Amino acid sequence: MSEETEILFERRGAIGLVTLNRPRALNALTHAMCLAMDAQLQEWERDAAVAAVVIRGTGEKAFCAGGDIRALYESGKAGTSYAIDFYRDEYRLNARIKHYPKPYIALLHGIVMGGGFGLSVHGSHRVAAENVVFAMPETGIGLFPDVGGSFALPRCPGELGMYFALTGARVKTADVIYAQVATHHVPAEHFEALTERLASGQTPDTAIGALAKDPGTPTLEGLRGPIDRHFAGDSVEEILAALDATGSEWSRETAAIIRTKSPTSSKVAFRQLREGRKLSFDDCMRMEFRMVHGIIAGHDFYEGVRAAIVEKDNKPVWNPADLSQVSVEDVDGYFAPLRGGELVL
């Protein structure tokens, strides 16, 4: 399959098939990919011969590892419009998937993070292979769990969404299903057979049901008690205090991980998820568009990307450096109405 075209579209029987085609970049999303996919989904929505949409990724390593962070970093540093244009149109695509009137089936394998979460979790069916690794690692690069994370994460069981948002924890297939990020487990070797069943006109529930397997026991099931207790706090500081007071190895390790993240992003993400519990999906996306303007105008995103992706020293110098230095007013700024206009969906 050619790597020249970043995203491929195919009519196969009763389905429209989307293939993310940047395997060397772990199928990371570009602005052009978002625009092309949004336009194609609109066309298939109007086509009565298309009963469902299926999306997959090429290569063995990833369904989609997120947005093309380096391009966003370079845009922000240079002051070009690419970063804001990308986020605007990515969020519009997320909303189209959420409201899509036809079944939307994501075939997930390998890395599913950030933008890959946004391309899948809002669809009707999310089918996870045995090698899925899911995370929302954004606070570690001075960002926040966007692409509809405001809506989806607070609706995970208990406080799992807050746990994912603040820790960036990586979890595998059984946990992805337990957290309701995915709906079914089908071994990767059966993905092509599943695609053909869907193309032949079988309903998603029938086609997936014939191939679905038990994913095994989720690790998160045994951690739900402490996660739900500790991550129910009214602030990041309260969550850390609860973890510190417990003294278990898991609590110590979890608190230590949170303390490595951007203090600003941690506080912004905390408020994002608490606000998102009460908002409609579209209002969540409008909120995220406000938030991302603050991120692009700030410091920690560029420092986080520098440390993780550009120079790869993994030693970000956050500013402010401590949660206590991030004021309520600082956080409020990320949620303030936009002078240049809100996100239009």
Protein backbone atom coordinates (compact mmCIF):
# COMPACT_ATOMS: atom_id res chain seq x y z
CA MET A 1 0.00 0.00 0.00
CA SER A 2 1.35 3.42 -0.99
CA GLU A 3 2.65 5.81 1.63
CA GLU A 4 2.27 8.74 -0.76
CA THR A 5 -1.34 9.43 0.20
CA GLU A 6 -1.82 10.18 3.89
CA ILE A 7 -5.40 8.95 4.05
CA LEU A 8 -7.21 6.57 1.70
CA PHE A 9 -10.93 6.19 0.98
CA GLU A 10 -12.58 3.20 -0.63
CA ARG A 11 -16.11 2.04 -1.34
CA ARG A 12 -16.18 -1.67 -0.56
CA GLY A 13 -19.63 -3.17 -0.89
CA ALA A 14 -21.88 -1.73 1.80
CA ILE A 15 -19.14 0.20 3.62
CA GLY A 16 -17.02 3.27 3.21
CA LEU A 17 -13.49 2.32 4.25
CA VAL A 18 -11.06 4.89 5.70
CA THR A 19 -7.39 3.94 5.96
CA LEU A 20 -4.92 6.12 7.84
CA ASN A 21 -1.77 5.77 5.76
CA ARG A 22 1.23 7.27 7.56
CA PRO A 23 2.70 4.15 9.16
CA ARG A 24 6.19 5.62 9.59
CA ALA A 25 4.61 8.47 11.58
CA LEU A 26 2.37 6.05 13.52
CA ASN A 27 -0.54 7.36 11.43
CA ALA A 28 -0.36 10.75 13.15
CA LEU A 29 -3.01 13.16 11.92
CA THR A 30 -2.32 16.18 9.76
CA HIS A 31 -4.63 19.06 8.96
CA ALA A 32 -5.12 17.81 5.41
CA MET A 33 -6.17 14.38 6.69
CA CYS A 34 -8.81 15.94 8.95
CA LEU A 35 -10.25 18.01 6.12
CA ALA A 36 -10.29 15.10 3.68
CA MET A 37 -11.95 12.73 6.12
CA ASP A 38 -14.59 15.25 7.14
CA ALA A 39 -15.51 15.84 3.50
CA GLN A 40 -15.63 12.11 2.77
CA LEU A 41 -17.85 11.37 5.76
CA GLN A 42 -20.29 14.00 4.55
CA GLU A 43 -20.37 12.39 1.11
CA TRP A 44 -20.95 8.90 2.52
CA GLU A 45 -23.64 10.22 4.83
CA ARG A 46 -25.63 11.26 1.75
CA ASP A 47 -24.95 7.98 -0.11
CA ALA A 48 -27.76 5.51 0.57
CA ALA A 49 -25.55 2.64 -0.66
CA VAL A 50 -23.12 3.18 2.23
CA ALA A 51 -24.55 1.40 5.26
CA ALA A 52 -21.57 1.95 7.59
CA VAL A 53 -18.11 3.47 7.81
CA VAL A 54 -15.01 1.51 8.87
CA ILE A 55 -11.73 3.18 9.84
CA ARG A 56 -8.35 1.45 10.26
CA GLY A 57 -4.65 2.27 10.28
CA THR A 58 -1.78 0.88 8.21
CA GLY A 59 1.39 -0.66 9.61
CA GLU A 60 1.85 -2.93 12.60
CA LYS A 61 2.53 -0.32 15.28
CA ALA A 62 -0.43 2.02 15.50
CA PHE A 63 -4.01 2.79 14.64
CA CYS A 64 -3.18 6.45 15.30
CA ALA A 65 -0.74 7.92 17.82
CA GLY A 66 -2.38 11.37 17.78
CA GLY A 67 -1.88 14.65 15.99
CA ASP A 68 1.35 15.53 14.25
CA ILE A 69 2.76 17.24 17.35
CA ARG A 70 6.00 18.41 15.76
CA ALA A 71 4.07 20.28 13.05
CA LEU A 72 1.90 21.92 15.70
CA TYR A 73 4.97 22.85 17.74
CA GLU A 74 6.67 24.41 14.72
CA SER A 75 3.52 26.32 13.78
CA GLY A 76 3.12 27.74 17.25
CA LYS A 77 6.76 28.73 17.49
CA ALA A 78 6.60 30.45 14.11
CA GLY A 79 3.27 32.13 14.82
CA THR A 80 1.52 30.65 11.77
CA SER A 81 -2.18 29.72 11.70
CA TYR A 82 -1.60 25.99 11.09
CA ALA A 83 -1.96 24.92 14.74
CA ILE A 84 -5.28 26.67 15.35
CA ASP A 85 -6.56 25.65 11.91
CA PHE A 86 -5.66 22.04 12.68
CA TYR A 87 -7.39 21.99 16.05
CA ARG A 88 -10.50 23.73 14.69
CA ASP A 89 -10.95 21.20 11.91
CA GLU A 90 -9.93 18.20 14.01
CA TYR A 91 -12.58 19.12 16.58
CA ARG A 92 -15.16 19.53 13.82
CA LEU A 93 -14.25 16.05 12.60
CA ASN A 94 -14.62 14.67 16.13
CA ALA A 95 -18.10 16.20 16.27
CA ARG A 96 -19.06 14.73 12.90
CA ILE A 97 -18.05 11.27 14.11
CA LYS A 98 -20.01 11.73 17.34
CA HIS A 99 -23.18 12.71 15.50
CA TYR A 100 -22.74 10.38 12.52
CA PRO A 101 -26.11 8.85 11.60
CA LYS A 102 -24.64 5.57 10.34
CA PRO A 103 -22.63 2.92 12.19
CA TYR A 104 -19.00 3.96 12.52
CA ILE A 105 -16.63 1.10 13.27
CA ALA A 106 -13.04 1.75 14.34
CA LEU A 107 -10.61 -1.18 14.03
CA LEU A 108 -8.00 -0.47 16.70
CA HIS A 109 -4.54 -1.98 16.86
CA GLY A 110 -1.28 -0.93 18.46
CA ILE A 111 -1.03 2.63 19.72
CA VAL A 112 -4.30 4.50 20.20
CA MET A 113 -3.56 7.88 21.77
CA GLY A 114 -4.70 11.48 21.57
CA GLY A 115 -6.08 12.11 18.11
CA GLY A 116 -6.51 8.37 17.60
CA PHE A 117 -8.84 8.38 20.58
CA GLY A 118 -10.82 11.18 18.94
CA LEU A 119 -11.14 9.23 15.68
CA SER A 120 -12.51 6.17 17.45
CA VAL A 121 -14.16 6.69 20.84
CA HIS A 122 -17.00 8.83 19.50
CA GLY A 123 -18.07 6.17 16.98
CA SER A 124 -20.70 3.51 17.55
CA HIS A 125 -18.32 0.50 17.58
CA ARG A 126 -14.68 0.41 18.71
CA VAL A 127 -13.08 -2.96 18.07
CA ALA A 128 -9.76 -3.56 19.83
CA ALA A 129 -7.12 -6.07 18.73
CA GLU A 130 -5.00 -7.94 21.26
CA ASN A 131 -2.10 -5.46 21.03
CA VAL A 132 -3.86 -2.16 21.71
CA VAL A 133 -2.05 0.34 23.93
CA PHE A 134 -4.22 3.28 24.91
CA ALA A 135 -3.25 6.46 26.74
CA MET A 136 -4.05 10.15 26.95
CA PRO A 137 -0.54 11.49 27.68
CA GLU A 138 -1.18 15.16 26.95
CA THR A 139 -0.41 16.68 30.37
CA GLY A 140 3.12 15.32 29.92
CA ILE A 141 3.66 17.66 26.95
CA GLY A 142 1.89 20.71 28.35
CA LEU A 143 -1.40 20.02 26.58
CA PHE A 144 -4.70 18.55 27.85
CA PRO A 145 -6.74 15.44 26.87
CA ASP A 146 -8.65 17.01 24.00
CA VAL A 147 -10.43 15.61 20.89
CA GLY A 148 -13.58 15.20 22.95
CA GLY A 149 -11.83 13.93 26.06
CA SER A 150 -13.87 16.51 27.98
CA PHE A 151 -16.98 14.49 27.16
CA ALA A 152 -15.74 10.91 26.92
CA LEU A 153 -13.33 10.67 29.86
CA PRO A 154 -15.76 11.80 32.59
CA ARG A 155 -18.15 9.15 31.28
CA CYS A 156 -15.73 6.29 31.77
CA PRO A 157 -16.66 4.16 34.81
CA GLY A 158 -16.00 5.85 38.14
CA GLU A 159 -12.94 8.09 38.14
CA LEU A 160 -11.03 6.22 35.43
CA GLY A 161 -11.20 9.23 33.13
CA MET A 162 -9.55 11.52 35.65
CA TYR A 163 -6.94 8.84 36.30
CA PHE A 164 -6.14 8.64 32.58
CA ALA A 165 -6.06 12.44 32.23
CA LEU A 166 -3.72 13.19 35.12
CA THR A 167 -1.36 10.22 34.87
CA GLY A 168 -1.22 9.46 31.15
CA ALA A 169 -1.36 5.79 32.18
CA ARG A 170 -0.94 3.28 29.36
CA VAL A 171 -3.40 0.40 29.38
CA LYS A 172 -3.94 -2.62 27.17
CA THR A 173 -6.88 -4.28 25.48
CA ALA A 174 -8.77 -5.74 28.44
CA ASP A 175 -8.53 -2.42 30.28
CA VAL A 176 -9.51 -0.43 27.20
CA ILE A 177 -12.73 -2.39 27.02
CA TYR A 178 -13.26 -2.23 30.79
CA ALA A 179 -12.93 1.56 30.60
CA GLN A 180 -15.49 1.61 27.73
CA VAL A 181 -12.99 3.24 25.39
CA ALA A 182 -13.46 0.17 23.18
CA THR A 183 -16.63 -1.89 22.84
CA HIS A 184 -15.33 -5.28 21.63
CA HIS A 185 -12.21 -7.41 21.30
CA VAL A 186 -11.51 -9.13 17.99
CA PRO A 187 -8.03 -10.57 17.27
CA ALA A 188 -6.17 -8.59 14.61
CA GLU A 189 -5.94 -11.65 12.37
CA HIS A 190 -9.73 -11.44 11.95
CA PHE A 191 -9.91 -7.74 11.06
CA GLU A 192 -9.98 -8.42 7.33
CA ALA A 193 -12.70 -11.04 7.76
CA LEU A 194 -14.68 -8.55 9.86
CA THR A 195 -14.28 -5.91 7.18
CA GLU A 196 -15.54 -8.31 4.53
CA ARG A 197 -18.56 -9.27 6.65
CA LEU A 198 -19.43 -5.60 7.02
CA ALA A 199 -18.87 -5.01 3.30
CA SER A 200 -21.26 -7.85 2.52
CA GLY A 201 -24.01 -6.03 4.36
CA GLN A 202 -23.97 -7.72 7.76
CA THR A 203 -24.91 -5.39 10.59
CA PRO A 204 -22.00 -4.38 12.85
CA ASP A 205 -23.46 -6.23 15.84
CA THR A 206 -23.82 -9.44 13.83
CA ALA A 207 -20.43 -9.20 12.14
CA ILE A 208 -18.52 -8.28 15.29
CA GLY A 209 -20.44 -10.72 17.45
CA ALA A 210 -19.39 -13.63 15.24
CA LEU A 211 -15.69 -12.86 15.75
CA ALA A 212 -15.50 -11.25 19.21
CA LYS A 213 -13.44 -12.90 21.95
CA ASP A 214 -13.05 -12.49 25.70
CA PRO A 215 -10.21 -9.97 26.26
CA GLY A 216 -9.26 -11.44 29.63
CA THR A 217 -9.22 -9.91 33.09
CA PRO A 218 -8.59 -6.15 33.22
CA THR A 219 -5.93 -4.86 35.59
CA LEU A 220 -8.01 -1.76 36.26
CA GLU A 221 -10.76 -3.82 37.81
CA GLY A 222 -8.56 -4.45 40.84
CA LEU A 223 -7.60 -0.76 41.04
CA ARG A 224 -11.09 0.70 40.73
CA GLY A 225 -11.52 1.06 44.48
CA PRO A 226 -8.44 3.21 45.08
CA ILE A 227 -8.83 5.08 41.79
CA ASP A 228 -12.42 6.01 42.57
CA ARG A 229 -11.54 7.11 46.12
CA HIS A 230 -8.40 9.07 45.41
CA PHE A 231 -9.35 10.70 42.10
CA ALA A 232 -12.71 11.96 43.38
CA GLY A 233 -10.99 14.93 45.06
CA ASP A 234 -11.96 18.53 44.43
CA SER A 235 -8.55 19.54 43.10
CA VAL A 236 -5.30 18.05 41.84
CA GLU A 237 -3.79 18.89 45.22
CA GLU A 238 -6.54 16.93 47.00
CA ILE A 239 -5.94 13.94 44.75
CA LEU A 240 -2.22 14.03 45.47
CA ALA A 241 -2.84 14.40 49.22
CA ALA A 242 -5.12 11.36 49.17
CA LEU A 243 -2.51 9.33 47.29
CA ASP A 244 0.26 10.47 49.65
CA ALA A 245 -1.77 9.57 52.73
CA THR A 246 -2.34 6.00 51.59
CA GLY A 247 1.31 5.01 51.44
CA SER A 248 0.87 2.00 49.16
CA GLU A 249 3.42 1.39 46.42
CA TRP A 250 0.79 2.03 43.75
CA SER A 251 -0.26 5.31 45.39
CA ARG A 252 3.33 6.51 45.72
CA GLU A 253 4.13 5.67 42.11
CA THR A 254 0.91 7.27 40.85
CA ALA A 255 1.52 10.49 42.79
CA ALA A 256 5.11 10.63 41.54
CA ILE A 257 3.92 10.31 37.94
CA ILE A 258 1.40 13.14 38.32
CA ARG A 259 4.10 15.38 39.75
CA THR A 260 6.19 15.00 36.58
CA LYS A 261 3.43 16.52 34.43
CA SER A 262 2.91 20.18 33.61
CA PRO A 263 1.33 21.78 36.70
CA THR A 264 -0.66 24.13 34.50
CA SER A 265 -1.90 21.35 32.24
CA SER A 266 -2.81 19.19 35.23
CA LYS A 267 -4.98 21.91 36.74
CA VAL A 268 -6.52 22.77 33.37
CA ALA A 269 -7.28 19.11 32.66
CA PHE A 270 -8.82 18.63 36.10
CA ARG A 271 -11.24 21.50 35.54
CA GLN A 272 -11.87 20.35 31.96
CA LEU A 273 -13.10 16.94 33.07
CA ARG A 274 -15.20 18.26 35.94
CA GLU A 275 -16.82 20.80 33.60
CA GLY A 276 -17.24 18.18 30.88
CA ARG A 277 -19.39 16.02 33.13
CA LYS A 278 -22.10 18.66 32.91
CA LEU A 279 -21.81 19.69 29.26
CA SER A 280 -23.16 18.41 25.96
CA PHE A 281 -20.65 17.01 23.48
CA ASP A 282 -20.76 20.11 21.28
CA ASP A 283 -20.26 22.41 24.26
CA CYS A 284 -17.27 20.29 25.29
CA MET A 285 -15.72 20.83 21.88
CA ARG A 286 -16.32 24.57 22.08
CA MET A 287 -14.68 24.57 25.50
CA GLU A 288 -11.67 22.66 24.20
CA PHE A 289 -11.23 25.14 21.35
CA ARG A 290 -11.06 27.93 23.91
CA MET A 291 -8.56 25.94 25.94
CA VAL A 292 -6.26 25.15 23.05
CA HIS A 293 -5.89 28.84 22.24
CA GLY A 294 -4.43 29.25 25.72
CA ILE A 295 -2.10 26.33 25.19
CA ILE A 296 -0.78 27.70 21.89
CA ALA A 297 -0.23 31.11 23.49
CA GLY A 298 1.50 29.68 26.56
CA HIS A 299 4.84 28.15 27.53
CA ASP A 300 4.50 24.56 28.65
CA PHE A 301 3.36 23.01 25.36
CA TYR A 302 6.54 24.10 23.62
CA GLU A 303 8.70 23.02 26.53
CA GLY A 304 6.95 19.66 26.78
CA VAL A 305 7.29 18.94 23.07
CA ARG A 306 10.91 20.08 23.11
CA ALA A 307 11.73 17.68 25.93
CA ALA A 308 9.74 14.71 24.61
CA ILE A 309 10.02 14.97 20.82
CA VAL A 310 12.47 17.62 19.60
CA GLU A 311 15.52 17.27 21.86
CA LYS A 312 14.27 14.14 23.66
CA ASP A 313 16.03 14.88 26.94
CA ASN A 314 12.79 14.13 28.85
CA LYS A 315 13.59 16.96 31.25
CA PRO A 316 10.91 19.59 30.77
CA VAL A 317 11.23 22.79 32.76
CA TRP A 318 7.64 23.77 33.48
CA ASN A 319 6.64 27.37 34.14
CA PRO A 320 5.11 27.65 36.69
CA ALA A 321 7.08 24.76 38.16
CA ASP A 322 4.69 23.82 40.98
CA LEU A 323 0.94 23.35 41.35
CA SER A 324 0.87 25.93 44.14
CA GLN A 325 2.05 28.57 41.67
CA VAL A 326 -0.85 27.99 39.25
CA SER A 327 -3.65 30.28 40.38
CA VAL A 328 -7.38 30.01 39.85
CA GLU A 329 -7.13 33.07 37.63
CA ASP A 330 -4.46 31.36 35.53
CA VAL A 331 -6.76 28.39 34.94
CA ASP A 332 -9.78 30.62 34.30
CA GLY A 333 -7.95 32.15 31.37
CA TYR A 334 -8.04 28.87 29.46
CA PHE A 335 -11.83 28.77 29.64
CA ALA A 336 -12.55 32.41 28.78
CA PRO A 337 -14.64 33.23 25.67
CA LEU A 338 -12.64 33.81 22.52
CA ARG A 339 -12.48 37.31 21.12
CA GLY A 340 -11.86 35.97 17.64
CA GLY A 341 -14.96 33.76 17.63
CA GLU A 342 -15.97 30.44 19.09
CA LEU A 343 -15.77 27.05 17.40
CA VAL A 344 -18.57 26.69 14.86
CA LEU A 345 -19.88 23.14 14.47
